[in-house]
Amino acid sequence: MKLQQQHHVDEVIGVQKQHKFKITDGSQAIIMDSLINLYSDPIGSIVREITSNCIDANRERDLKLAKKIPMESEDDTSFWSDKQTVCIEYITKNTILGVDECMMFHDYGCGLSQKRVQDVFTTFGASTKRDNNYEIGGFGLGAKSPLAYADTFYVSSRHNGTETYYMIYRNNDNVPHMDQVYQAATDQQNGTTIIVPIKQRYDASDFSSAISNQLTYFDNI
């Protein structure tokens, strides 16, 4: 969504110096942890936020094809899908990652280049959706919502004939990090998958309930 911001500063009599607020390196973990833990219902928030991002990814593709928002240099429509759905999948084993039970959220949008993955997932407040009112997001927090539930989650990006997996995790310093862990050629069309490992046995049932409760009015899921 397009965010409106004030760009002018009213004149204040007597102000002689102005200081811009900043965050010290030592405070990064505290600030990031506070932003991640804004979600009082981590599982419900993951379902809502990640599904919203999937819908936005499909919508971005359609908006570019309709010329309502500009194409980017990395866009190659020959790799694009025409699927309108978002797929949420529960699996008992991901052999590539060696992960047992997990939830997977699939979109069929433009796909994410390596640079865009870095921009979206490693920067709090980063968003590609602030220049239009066609997309749901805009605050740059939802993509990190799995960290409110799990210390590690994964992103799989299929982009222009290459599939790349990334691991996003909290390190010993409690600051989130992202590592590229796998890359291979693919004949699949572009899209992105968010993979959230299930921590406890009964959490799968909680994810199922959250899907029913959070996505009641979402279409094409």
Protein backbone atom coordinates (compact mmCIF):
# COMPACT_ATOMS: atom_id res chain seq x y z
CA MET A 1 0.00 0.00 0.00
CA LYS A 2 1.10 3.55 -0.62
CA LEU A 3 2.24 5.19 2.59
CA GLN A 4 1.80 8.92 3.07
CA GLN A 5 4.63 10.70 4.86
CA GLN A 6 5.17 14.28 5.94
CA HIS A 7 8.17 15.78 4.15
CA HIS A 8 8.01 19.35 5.45
CA VAL A 9 9.10 20.57 8.85
CA ASP A 10 7.22 23.40 10.51
CA GLU A 11 9.38 26.28 11.53
CA VAL A 12 10.10 26.20 15.26
CA ILE A 13 11.47 29.35 16.81
CA GLY A 14 14.64 28.83 18.84
CA VAL A 15 15.88 25.59 17.22
CA GLN A 16 19.57 25.95 16.47
CA LYS A 17 20.68 22.35 15.95
CA GLN A 18 18.96 19.27 14.64
CA HIS A 19 19.94 15.68 15.45
CA LYS A 20 18.80 12.65 13.47
CA PHE A 21 17.91 9.56 15.52
CA LYS A 22 19.99 6.42 14.90
CA ILE A 23 20.44 2.85 16.15
CA THR A 24 23.80 1.69 17.47
CA ASP A 25 25.30 -1.61 16.33
CA GLY A 26 25.02 -2.97 19.85
CA SER A 27 21.29 -2.30 19.94
CA GLN A 28 20.45 -4.07 16.67
CA ALA A 29 19.48 -7.35 18.31
CA ILE A 30 17.18 -5.63 20.83
CA ILE A 31 15.41 -3.49 18.21
CA MET A 32 15.05 -6.34 15.71
CA ASP A 33 13.79 -8.69 18.41
CA SER A 34 11.18 -6.12 19.41
CA LEU A 35 9.98 -5.76 15.81
CA ILE A 36 9.82 -9.52 15.29
CA ASN A 37 7.91 -10.09 18.52
CA LEU A 38 5.23 -7.51 17.77
CA TYR A 39 3.07 -10.48 16.78
CA SER A 40 1.04 -11.75 19.76
CA ASP A 41 -0.16 -14.76 17.72
CA PRO A 42 2.96 -15.98 15.87
CA ILE A 43 1.33 -18.84 13.93
CA GLY A 44 -1.70 -16.79 12.94
CA SER A 45 0.55 -13.90 11.96
CA ILE A 46 2.74 -16.12 9.76
CA VAL A 47 -0.32 -17.45 7.93
CA ARG A 48 -1.77 -13.97 7.40
CA GLU A 49 1.44 -12.11 6.56
CA ILE A 50 3.05 -14.71 4.29
CA THR A 51 -0.20 -15.41 2.45
CA SER A 52 -0.66 -11.66 1.92
CA ASN A 53 2.85 -11.49 0.46
CA CYS A 54 2.04 -14.41 -1.85
CA ILE A 55 -1.09 -12.64 -3.07
CA ASP A 56 0.92 -9.46 -3.63
CA ALA A 57 3.53 -11.41 -5.64
CA ASN A 58 0.86 -12.76 -8.00
CA ARG A 59 -0.71 -9.30 -8.18
CA GLU A 60 2.63 -7.62 -8.96
CA ARG A 61 3.05 -9.92 -11.97
CA ASP A 62 -0.43 -9.06 -13.24
CA LEU A 63 0.06 -5.33 -12.64
CA LYS A 64 3.28 -5.37 -14.65
CA LEU A 65 1.62 -7.24 -17.51
CA ALA A 66 -1.22 -4.69 -17.44
CA LYS A 67 1.38 -1.86 -17.43
CA LYS A 68 -0.03 -0.40 -14.23
CA ILE A 69 3.39 -0.57 -12.59
CA PRO A 70 6.72 -0.56 -14.46
CA MET A 71 8.71 -3.63 -15.43
CA GLU A 72 12.20 -4.02 -14.01
CA SER A 73 15.38 -4.89 -15.90
CA GLU A 74 15.42 -8.43 -14.43
CA ASP A 75 11.84 -9.24 -15.49
CA ASP A 76 11.55 -11.91 -18.19
CA THR A 77 7.93 -12.76 -18.95
CA SER A 78 8.88 -16.00 -20.70
CA PHE A 79 9.47 -17.47 -17.22
CA TRP A 80 6.23 -16.16 -15.73
CA SER A 81 3.28 -18.31 -14.72
CA ASP A 82 -0.37 -17.45 -15.28
CA LYS A 83 -1.56 -19.13 -12.08
CA GLN A 84 -3.73 -16.93 -9.88
CA THR A 85 -3.70 -19.16 -6.83
CA VAL A 86 -1.66 -19.23 -3.64
CA CYS A 87 -0.86 -22.74 -2.42
CA ILE A 88 -0.34 -23.61 1.25
CA GLU A 89 1.08 -27.07 1.77
CA TYR A 90 1.91 -29.27 4.75
CA ILE A 91 4.66 -31.82 4.14
CA THR A 92 6.32 -34.37 6.39
CA LYS A 93 9.80 -34.18 4.82
CA ASN A 94 11.77 -31.75 2.65
CA THR A 95 14.64 -33.81 1.25
CA ILE A 96 16.58 -30.86 -0.18
CA LEU A 97 16.76 -29.07 3.15
CA GLY A 98 16.67 -32.14 5.38
CA VAL A 99 13.72 -30.65 7.26
CA ASP A 100 10.95 -32.76 8.75
CA GLU A 101 7.42 -31.39 9.18
CA CYS A 102 6.97 -27.95 7.67
CA MET A 103 4.45 -25.54 6.19
CA MET A 104 5.12 -24.24 2.66
CA PHE A 105 3.57 -21.10 1.17
CA HIS A 106 3.86 -20.92 -2.64
CA ASP A 107 3.27 -17.95 -4.94
CA TYR A 108 3.56 -17.75 -8.73
CA GLY A 109 4.72 -14.17 -9.10
CA CYS A 110 7.72 -12.65 -10.88
CA GLY A 111 10.22 -14.50 -8.69
CA LEU A 112 12.96 -12.91 -6.63
CA SER A 113 16.45 -12.24 -7.91
CA GLN A 114 19.31 -12.69 -5.44
CA LYS A 115 19.51 -8.95 -4.90
CA ARG A 116 15.80 -8.64 -4.28
CA VAL A 117 15.82 -11.53 -1.81
CA GLN A 118 18.55 -9.72 0.11
CA ASP A 119 16.70 -6.40 -0.03
CA VAL A 120 13.38 -7.88 1.16
CA PHE A 121 14.54 -10.32 3.84
CA THR A 122 17.63 -8.73 5.38
CA THR A 123 16.38 -5.17 5.84
CA PHE A 124 13.72 -4.26 8.38
CA GLY A 125 11.38 -1.68 6.90
CA ALA A 126 12.32 -2.53 3.31
CA SER A 127 9.29 -2.85 1.03
CA THR A 128 8.66 -2.81 -2.70
CA LYS A 129 4.97 -1.89 -2.27
CA ARG A 130 4.94 1.74 -1.16
CA ASP A 131 4.43 3.35 -4.56
CA ASN A 132 0.94 2.02 -5.29
CA ASN A 133 -2.35 1.10 -3.63
CA TYR A 134 -2.80 -2.17 -5.50
CA GLU A 135 -0.84 -4.35 -3.06
CA ILE A 136 -1.53 -5.26 0.55
CA GLY A 137 1.86 -4.81 2.26
CA GLY A 138 4.10 -1.81 2.68
CA PHE A 139 5.74 -1.82 6.10
CA GLY A 140 8.57 -4.28 5.42
CA LEU A 141 7.91 -6.53 8.43
CA GLY A 142 5.66 -9.37 7.25
CA ALA A 143 8.40 -11.25 5.38
CA LYS A 144 10.24 -11.69 8.68
CA SER A 145 7.18 -12.91 10.63
CA PRO A 146 8.31 -16.60 10.71
CA LEU A 147 11.08 -15.53 13.12
CA ALA A 148 8.38 -14.77 15.68
CA TYR A 149 7.73 -18.53 15.77
CA ALA A 150 10.92 -20.31 14.69
CA ASP A 151 14.61 -19.49 14.93
CA THR A 152 15.08 -20.72 11.33
CA PHE A 153 13.00 -20.65 8.15
CA TYR A 154 13.76 -20.99 4.45
CA VAL A 155 13.05 -19.16 1.21
CA SER A 156 13.07 -20.86 -2.19
CA SER A 157 13.11 -18.52 -5.18
CA ARG A 158 12.57 -19.73 -8.74
CA HIS A 159 13.82 -16.91 -10.92
CA ASN A 160 14.50 -17.01 -14.67
CA GLY A 161 15.55 -20.66 -14.80
CA THR A 162 17.41 -20.87 -11.48
CA GLU A 163 16.11 -22.13 -8.15
CA THR A 164 17.90 -20.83 -5.06
CA TYR A 165 17.33 -21.75 -1.43
CA TYR A 166 18.15 -19.42 1.45
CA MET A 167 18.22 -20.12 5.19
CA ILE A 168 17.18 -17.26 7.47
CA TYR A 169 18.06 -17.75 11.11
CA ARG A 170 19.01 -16.13 14.39
CA ASN A 171 22.71 -16.41 15.13
CA ASN A 172 24.42 -16.40 18.53
CA ASP A 173 24.22 -12.61 18.55
CA ASN A 174 20.39 -12.92 18.19
CA VAL A 175 20.54 -10.84 15.00
CA PRO A 176 18.88 -12.52 11.98
CA HIS A 177 21.22 -13.72 9.22
CA MET A 178 20.61 -15.17 5.76
CA ASP A 179 22.75 -17.81 4.00
CA GLN A 180 22.39 -19.18 0.49
CA VAL A 181 22.35 -22.97 0.92
CA TYR A 182 21.43 -24.45 -2.48
CA GLN A 183 21.18 -23.46 -6.13
CA ALA A 184 20.36 -25.40 -9.30
CA ALA A 185 18.86 -24.92 -12.75
CA THR A 186 15.11 -25.47 -12.95
CA ASP A 187 12.47 -25.77 -15.64
CA GLN A 188 9.78 -24.50 -13.25
CA GLN A 189 8.20 -21.12 -13.83
CA ASN A 190 9.01 -18.23 -11.54
CA GLY A 191 7.69 -18.01 -8.02
CA THR A 192 8.67 -18.03 -4.37
CA THR A 193 8.13 -20.51 -1.56
CA ILE A 194 8.42 -19.75 2.16
CA ILE A 195 9.20 -22.87 4.21
CA VAL A 196 8.49 -22.78 7.94
CA PRO A 197 9.62 -25.84 9.96
CA ILE A 198 7.07 -27.01 12.51
CA LYS A 199 8.59 -26.89 15.98
CA GLN A 200 6.22 -29.06 18.00
CA ARG A 201 4.01 -32.01 17.19
CA TYR A 202 0.67 -30.28 17.66
CA ASP A 203 1.61 -27.03 15.92
CA ALA A 204 0.47 -28.48 12.58
CA SER A 205 -3.07 -28.46 13.95
CA ASP A 206 -2.62 -24.83 15.05
CA PHE A 207 -1.47 -23.91 11.53
CA SER A 208 -4.56 -25.62 10.12
CA SER A 209 -6.82 -23.66 12.47
CA ALA A 210 -5.01 -20.41 11.65
CA ILE A 211 -5.51 -21.01 7.92
CA SER A 212 -9.26 -21.40 8.52
CA ASN A 213 -9.50 -18.39 10.84
CA GLN A 214 -7.09 -15.94 9.21
CA LEU A 215 -7.91 -16.59 5.55
CA THR A 216 -11.70 -16.73 5.65
CA TYR A 217 -12.09 -13.81 3.24
CA PHE A 218 -9.00 -14.43 1.09
CA ASP A 219 -9.63 -15.56 -2.48
CA ASN A 220 -7.74 -18.12 -4.59
CA ILE A 221 -6.03 -19.91 -1.69
